[in-house]
């Protein structure tokens, strides 16, 4: 790696892969449930409304559901995972 930007991108890619694996494991568990009990492979996602008349509900298949979960985890956790992994790396290099 030639510079810190490449290190940052590598840490982000590693974090995204970790989050994707969490979701893949969850989806595999859902597949097991579906195979065992013949459940549905469609999911409802709802936005909790401030008023009951404004409920927003979407139905999606398993693949769309998987991508929604991955994107949500990346949006909410990526920054923190990268910070943690950066600190671990710096500690290994004994720079801090």
C-alpha atoms as a PDB file:
ATOM      1  CA  UNK A   1       0.000   0.000   0.000  1.00  0.00           C
ATOM      2  CA  UNK A   2       1.384   3.310  -1.035  1.00  0.00           C
ATOM      3  CA  UNK A   3      -0.379   5.715   1.287  1.00  0.00           C
ATOM      4  CA  UNK A   4      -2.784   6.126   4.203  1.00  0.00           C
ATOM      5  CA  UNK A   5      -5.762   6.545   1.869  1.00  0.00           C
ATOM      6  CA  UNK A   6      -5.249   2.990   0.631  1.00  0.00           C
ATOM      7  CA  UNK A   7      -5.023   1.743   4.217  1.00  0.00           C
ATOM      8  CA  UNK A   8      -8.282   3.554   5.020  1.00  0.00           C
ATOM      9  CA  UNK A   9     -10.001   2.015   1.996  1.00  0.00           C
ATOM     10  CA  UNK A  10      -8.732  -1.444   2.927  1.00  0.00           C
ATOM     11  CA  UNK A  11     -10.069  -1.063   6.471  1.00  0.00           C
ATOM     12  CA  UNK A  12     -13.430   0.095   5.115  1.00  0.00           C
ATOM     13  CA  UNK A  13     -13.583  -2.870   2.735  1.00  0.00           C
ATOM     14  CA  UNK A  14     -12.755  -5.256   5.585  1.00  0.00           C
ATOM     15  CA  UNK A  15     -15.473  -3.696   7.760  1.00  0.00           C
ATOM     16  CA  UNK A  16     -18.039  -3.931   4.940  1.00  0.00           C
ATOM     17  CA  UNK A  17     -17.159  -7.587   4.456  1.00  0.00           C
ATOM     18  CA  UNK A  18     -17.597  -8.222   8.174  1.00  0.00           C
ATOM     19  CA  UNK A  19     -21.038  -6.589   8.162  1.00  0.00           C
ATOM     20  CA  UNK A  20     -22.027  -8.491   5.023  1.00  0.00           C
ATOM     21  CA  UNK A  21     -21.054 -11.765   6.694  1.00  0.00           C
ATOM     22  CA  UNK A  22     -23.284 -10.935   9.676  1.00  0.00           C
ATOM     23  CA  UNK A  23     -26.228 -10.443   7.316  1.00  0.00           C
ATOM     24  CA  UNK A  24     -25.364 -13.536   5.248  1.00  0.00           C
ATOM     25  CA  UNK A  25     -25.387 -15.632   8.414  1.00  0.00           C
ATOM     26  CA  UNK A  26     -28.778 -14.187   9.381  1.00  0.00           C
ATOM     27  CA  UNK A  27     -30.176 -14.888   5.898  1.00  0.00           C
ATOM     28  CA  UNK A  28     -28.917 -18.482   6.121  1.00  0.00           C
ATOM     29  CA  UNK A  29     -30.806 -18.844   9.402  1.00  0.00           C
ATOM     30  CA  UNK A  30     -33.931 -17.471   7.714  1.00  0.00           C
ATOM     31  CA  UNK A  31     -33.456 -19.969   4.870  1.00  0.00           C
ATOM     32  CA  UNK A  32     -33.270 -22.784   7.414  1.00  0.00           C
ATOM     33  CA  UNK A  33     -36.527 -21.625   8.988  1.00  0.00           C
ATOM     34  CA  UNK A  34     -38.191 -21.377   5.588  1.00  0.00           C
ATOM     35  CA  UNK A  35     -36.995 -24.840   4.563  1.00  0.00           C
ATOM     36  CA  UNK A  36     -38.050 -26.409   7.858  1.00  0.00           C
ATOM     37  CA  UNK A  37     -41.441 -24.729   8.244  1.00  0.00           C
ATOM     38  CA  UNK A  38     -42.319 -23.588   4.704  1.00  0.00           C
ATOM     39  CA  UNK A  39     -42.486 -19.934   5.696  1.00  0.00           C
ATOM     40  CA  UNK A  40     -42.691 -16.976   3.366  1.00  0.00           C
ATOM     41  CA  UNK A  41     -39.647 -15.451   1.716  1.00  0.00           C
ATOM     42  CA  UNK A  42     -41.190 -11.976   1.617  1.00  0.00           C
ATOM     43  CA  UNK A  43     -40.710  -9.399   4.327  1.00  0.00           C
ATOM     44  CA  UNK A  44     -42.602  -6.321   5.418  1.00  0.00           C
ATOM     45  CA  UNK A  45     -40.651  -3.290   6.507  1.00  0.00           C
ATOM     46  CA  UNK A  46     -42.461  -0.495   8.273  1.00  0.00           C
ATOM     47  CA  UNK A  47     -41.502   2.994   9.229  1.00  0.00           C
ATOM     48  CA  UNK A  48     -42.935   3.752  12.630  1.00  0.00           C
ATOM     49  CA  UNK A  49     -45.316   6.651  12.099  1.00  0.00           C
ATOM     50  CA  UNK A  50     -45.915   9.594  14.332  1.00  0.00           C
ATOM     51  CA  UNK A  51     -49.599   9.176  13.498  1.00  0.00           C
ATOM     52  CA  UNK A  52     -51.342   5.894  12.740  1.00  0.00           C
ATOM     53  CA  UNK A  53     -52.648   7.150   9.382  1.00  0.00           C
ATOM     54  CA  UNK A  54     -49.112   7.728   8.043  1.00  0.00           C
ATOM     55  CA  UNK A  55     -47.776   4.181   8.269  1.00  0.00           C
ATOM     56  CA  UNK A  56     -45.350   3.405   5.443  1.00  0.00           C
ATOM     57  CA  UNK A  57     -45.018  -0.282   4.663  1.00  0.00           C
ATOM     58  CA  UNK A  58     -43.054  -1.945   1.922  1.00  0.00           C
ATOM     59  CA  UNK A  59     -42.897  -5.588   1.029  1.00  0.00           C
ATOM     60  CA  UNK A  60     -39.678  -7.019  -0.346  1.00  0.00           C
ATOM     61  CA  UNK A  61     -38.194 -10.347  -1.270  1.00  0.00           C
ATOM     62  CA  UNK A  62     -35.269 -11.930   0.555  1.00  0.00           C
ATOM     63  CA  UNK A  63     -32.596 -10.400  -1.710  1.00  0.00           C
ATOM     64  CA  UNK A  64     -33.935  -6.872  -1.317  1.00  0.00           C
ATOM     65  CA  UNK A  65     -34.274  -7.459   2.435  1.00  0.00           C
ATOM     66  CA  UNK A  66     -30.646  -8.628   2.560  1.00  0.00           C
ATOM     67  CA  UNK A  67     -29.417  -5.505   0.765  1.00  0.00           C
ATOM     68  CA  UNK A  68     -31.493  -3.249   3.016  1.00  0.00           C
ATOM     69  CA  UNK A  69     -29.921  -4.867   6.089  1.00  0.00           C
ATOM     70  CA  UNK A  70     -26.394  -4.619   4.704  1.00  0.00           C
ATOM     71  CA  UNK A  71     -26.817  -0.981   3.699  1.00  0.00           C
ATOM     72  CA  UNK A  72     -28.366  -0.110   7.074  1.00  0.00           C
ATOM     73  CA  UNK A  73     -25.515  -1.736   8.987  1.00  0.00           C
ATOM     74  CA  UNK A  74     -22.929  -0.032   6.801  1.00  0.00           C
ATOM     75  CA  UNK A  75     -24.625   3.324   7.312  1.00  0.00           C
ATOM     76  CA  UNK A  76     -24.845   2.956  11.092  1.00  0.00           C
ATOM     77  CA  UNK A  77     -21.704   0.977  11.975  1.00  0.00           C
ATOM     78  CA  UNK A  78     -19.013   1.359   9.308  1.00  0.00           C
ATOM     79  CA  UNK A  79     -17.455   4.515  10.740  1.00  0.00           C
ATOM     80  CA  UNK A  80     -17.181   2.998  14.230  1.00  0.00           C
ATOM     81  CA  UNK A  81     -15.761  -0.293  13.009  1.00  0.00           C
ATOM     82  CA  UNK A  82     -13.124   1.511  10.930  1.00  0.00           C
ATOM     83  CA  UNK A  83     -12.171   3.666  13.924  1.00  0.00           C
ATOM     84  CA  UNK A  84     -11.805   0.552  16.056  1.00  0.00           C
ATOM     85  CA  UNK A  85      -9.775  -1.309  13.423  1.00  0.00           C
ATOM     86  CA  UNK A  86      -7.557   1.763  12.903  1.00  0.00           C
ATOM     87  CA  UNK A  87      -6.846   1.906  16.623  1.00  0.00           C
ATOM     88  CA  UNK A  88      -6.039  -1.825  16.653  1.00  0.00           C
ATOM     89  CA  UNK A  89      -3.676  -1.399  13.712  1.00  0.00           C
ATOM     90  CA  UNK A  90      -1.905   1.548  15.290  1.00  0.00           C
ATOM     91  CA  UNK A  91      -1.526  -0.402  18.536  1.00  0.00           C
ATOM     92  CA  UNK A  92       0.019  -3.304  16.632  1.00  0.00           C
ATOM     93  CA  UNK A  93       2.438  -0.909  15.016  1.00  0.00           C
ATOM     94  CA  UNK A  94       3.069   0.625  18.434  1.00  0.00           C
ATOM     95  CA  UNK A  95       2.457   4.138  17.113  1.00  0.00           C
ATOM     96  CA  UNK A  96       0.166   5.159  19.932  1.00  0.00           C
END
